[in-house]
Amino acid sequence: MSTQIDIDTTWILKQLQVGEQAVVEFKAEATTIQHTLDKLNKQVSPNFMTRYIEVKEGLGKK
């Protein structure tokens, strides 16, 4: 009986490690996506030409 419990415990611990690794990878991917979204949200205009003109005017003011 103890052999069966040991096997089950080992399997459960391995599954927990797999789950923990998946969480770490998910958090890393979520952080990357959040940074990308933050960069996009900082843009004043989604239109490329409008944004180009805004940047050009901003550089001209400096």
N, C-alpha and C. Protein backbone atom coordinates (compact mmCIF):
# COMPACT_ATOMS: atom_id res chain seq x y z
N MET A 1 0.82 -1.21 0.00
CA MET A 1 0.00 0.00 0.00
C MET A 1 0.86 1.27 0.00
N SER A 2 1.96 1.26 0.73
CA SER A 2 2.80 2.46 0.78
C SER A 2 3.44 2.75 -0.57
N THR A 3 3.72 1.70 -1.36
CA THR A 3 4.29 1.90 -2.69
C THR A 3 3.33 2.69 -3.57
N GLN A 4 2.07 2.33 -3.51
CA GLN A 4 1.06 3.03 -4.31
C GLN A 4 0.97 4.49 -3.88
N ILE A 5 1.01 4.76 -2.60
CA ILE A 5 0.94 6.13 -2.10
C ILE A 5 2.17 6.91 -2.54
N ASP A 6 3.36 6.28 -2.48
CA ASP A 6 4.59 6.94 -2.91
C ASP A 6 4.52 7.31 -4.39
N ILE A 7 4.02 6.39 -5.21
CA ILE A 7 3.91 6.65 -6.64
C ILE A 7 2.94 7.81 -6.88
N ASP A 8 1.81 7.78 -6.20
CA ASP A 8 0.83 8.85 -6.37
C ASP A 8 1.39 10.19 -5.92
N THR A 9 2.13 10.20 -4.82
CA THR A 9 2.73 11.43 -4.31
C THR A 9 3.75 11.98 -5.30
N THR A 10 4.58 11.09 -5.84
CA THR A 10 5.58 11.50 -6.82
C THR A 10 4.91 12.09 -8.05
N TRP A 11 3.87 11.43 -8.52
CA TRP A 11 3.15 11.90 -9.71
C TRP A 11 2.53 13.28 -9.44
N ILE A 12 1.93 13.42 -8.26
CA ILE A 12 1.30 14.69 -7.90
C ILE A 12 2.33 15.81 -7.84
N LEU A 13 3.50 15.54 -7.25
CA LEU A 13 4.54 16.55 -7.17
C LEU A 13 5.04 16.94 -8.56
N LYS A 14 5.17 15.97 -9.45
CA LYS A 14 5.59 16.28 -10.82
C LYS A 14 4.55 17.15 -11.51
N GLN A 15 3.29 16.83 -11.31
CA GLN A 15 2.22 17.62 -11.92
C GLN A 15 2.21 19.05 -11.37
N LEU A 16 2.48 19.18 -10.08
CA LEU A 16 2.55 20.52 -9.49
C LEU A 16 3.70 21.32 -10.08
N GLN A 17 4.83 20.67 -10.30
CA GLN A 17 5.97 21.36 -10.91
C GLN A 17 5.64 21.79 -12.34
N VAL A 18 4.95 20.92 -13.08
CA VAL A 18 4.55 21.28 -14.44
C VAL A 18 3.59 22.47 -14.40
N GLY A 19 2.66 22.44 -13.46
CA GLY A 19 1.72 23.54 -13.31
C GLY A 19 2.40 24.84 -12.93
N GLU A 20 3.36 24.76 -12.02
CA GLU A 20 4.09 25.96 -11.61
C GLU A 20 4.87 26.55 -12.78
N GLN A 21 5.47 25.71 -13.59
CA GLN A 21 6.22 26.19 -14.76
C GLN A 21 5.27 26.85 -15.76
N ALA A 22 4.09 26.26 -15.93
CA ALA A 22 3.10 26.83 -16.84
C ALA A 22 2.67 28.22 -16.35
N VAL A 23 2.52 28.37 -15.05
CA VAL A 23 2.13 29.66 -14.48
C VAL A 23 3.22 30.70 -14.73
N VAL A 24 4.49 30.31 -14.54
CA VAL A 24 5.60 31.23 -14.77
C VAL A 24 5.62 31.67 -16.23
N GLU A 25 5.45 30.72 -17.15
CA GLU A 25 5.45 31.06 -18.58
C GLU A 25 4.26 31.95 -18.93
N PHE A 26 3.10 31.66 -18.34
CA PHE A 26 1.91 32.47 -18.59
C PHE A 26 2.11 33.90 -18.11
N LYS A 27 2.68 34.05 -16.91
CA LYS A 27 2.92 35.39 -16.37
C LYS A 27 3.89 36.16 -17.25
N ALA A 28 4.92 35.48 -17.75
CA ALA A 28 5.89 36.15 -18.62
C ALA A 28 5.22 36.61 -19.91
N GLU A 29 4.40 35.76 -20.49
CA GLU A 29 3.70 36.12 -21.72
C GLU A 29 2.71 37.26 -21.47
N ALA A 30 2.00 37.20 -20.34
CA ALA A 30 1.05 38.25 -20.00
C ALA A 30 1.76 39.59 -19.80
N THR A 31 2.93 39.56 -19.19
CA THR A 31 3.71 40.78 -18.99
C THR A 31 4.14 41.36 -20.33
N THR A 32 4.57 40.50 -21.24
CA THR A 32 4.97 40.95 -22.58
C THR A 32 3.79 41.60 -23.30
N ILE A 33 2.65 40.96 -23.23
CA ILE A 33 1.44 41.50 -23.87
C ILE A 33 1.06 42.83 -23.24
N GLN A 34 1.15 42.91 -21.91
CA GLN A 34 0.79 44.16 -21.23
C GLN A 34 1.72 45.29 -21.64
N HIS A 35 3.01 45.02 -21.77
CA HIS A 35 3.95 46.05 -22.21
C HIS A 35 3.62 46.51 -23.63
N THR A 36 3.27 45.57 -24.50
CA THR A 36 2.89 45.92 -25.86
C THR A 36 1.65 46.79 -25.87
N LEU A 37 0.65 46.41 -25.07
CA LEU A 37 -0.57 47.20 -25.00
C LEU A 37 -0.31 48.59 -24.42
N ASP A 38 0.57 48.67 -23.43
CA ASP A 38 0.92 49.98 -22.87
C ASP A 38 1.56 50.87 -23.92
N LYS A 39 2.43 50.30 -24.73
CA LYS A 39 3.07 51.09 -25.80
C LYS A 39 2.02 51.58 -26.80
N LEU A 40 1.08 50.71 -27.15
CA LEU A 40 0.03 51.09 -28.09
C LEU A 40 -0.88 52.16 -27.51
N ASN A 41 -1.18 52.06 -26.23
CA ASN A 41 -2.05 53.04 -25.59
C ASN A 41 -1.41 54.41 -25.49
N LYS A 42 -0.08 54.47 -25.49
CA LYS A 42 0.62 55.75 -25.41
C LYS A 42 0.58 56.50 -26.73
N GLN A 43 0.28 55.80 -27.80
CA GLN A 43 0.20 56.46 -29.09
C GLN A 43 -1.03 57.36 -29.10
N VAL A 44 -0.84 58.56 -29.60
CA VAL A 44 -1.94 59.53 -29.61
C VAL A 44 -2.98 59.15 -30.66
N SER A 45 -2.53 58.70 -31.80
CA SER A 45 -3.44 58.38 -32.90
C SER A 45 -3.07 57.04 -33.52
N PRO A 46 -4.06 56.20 -33.80
CA PRO A 46 -3.76 54.91 -34.43
C PRO A 46 -3.44 55.04 -35.93
N ASN A 47 -3.79 56.17 -36.52
CA ASN A 47 -3.55 56.38 -37.94
C ASN A 47 -2.07 56.69 -38.15
N PHE A 48 -1.41 55.94 -39.03
CA PHE A 48 0.04 56.09 -39.21
C PHE A 48 0.42 57.49 -39.68
N MET A 49 -0.26 58.00 -40.69
CA MET A 49 0.10 59.32 -41.23
C MET A 49 -0.13 60.42 -40.19
N THR A 50 -1.24 60.32 -39.48
CA THR A 50 -1.51 61.31 -38.44
C THR A 50 -0.43 61.24 -37.36
N ARG A 51 -0.07 60.03 -36.98
CA ARG A 51 0.97 59.85 -35.96
C ARG A 51 2.31 60.38 -36.46
N TYR A 52 2.62 60.14 -37.72
CA TYR A 52 3.87 60.63 -38.32
C TYR A 52 3.93 62.16 -38.23
N ILE A 53 2.82 62.81 -38.57
CA ILE A 53 2.77 64.27 -38.53
C ILE A 53 2.91 64.76 -37.09
N GLU A 54 2.24 64.08 -36.15
CA GLU A 54 2.34 64.47 -34.74
C GLU A 54 3.78 64.37 -34.25
N VAL A 55 4.46 63.30 -34.59
CA VAL A 55 5.85 63.12 -34.17
C VAL A 55 6.73 64.17 -34.82
N LYS A 56 6.50 64.41 -36.11
CA LYS A 56 7.30 65.41 -36.84
C LYS A 56 7.12 66.79 -36.21
N GLU A 57 5.88 67.15 -35.89
CA GLU A 57 5.61 68.44 -35.26
C GLU A 57 6.23 68.49 -33.86
N GLY A 58 6.17 67.37 -33.15
CA GLY A 58 6.76 67.31 -31.81
C GLY A 58 8.26 67.49 -31.85
N LEU A 59 8.90 66.92 -32.85
CA LEU A 59 10.34 67.08 -32.99
C LEU A 59 10.69 68.51 -33.38
N GLY A 60 9.82 69.13 -34.16
CA GLY A 60 10.06 70.51 -34.59
C GLY A 60 9.96 71.50 -33.44
N LYS A 61 9.17 71.18 -32.43
CA LYS A 61 8.98 72.08 -31.28
C LYS A 61 10.18 72.08 -30.35
N LYS A 62 11.01 71.06 -30.42
CA LYS A 62 12.15 70.95 -29.49
C LYS A 62 13.30 71.78 -29.89
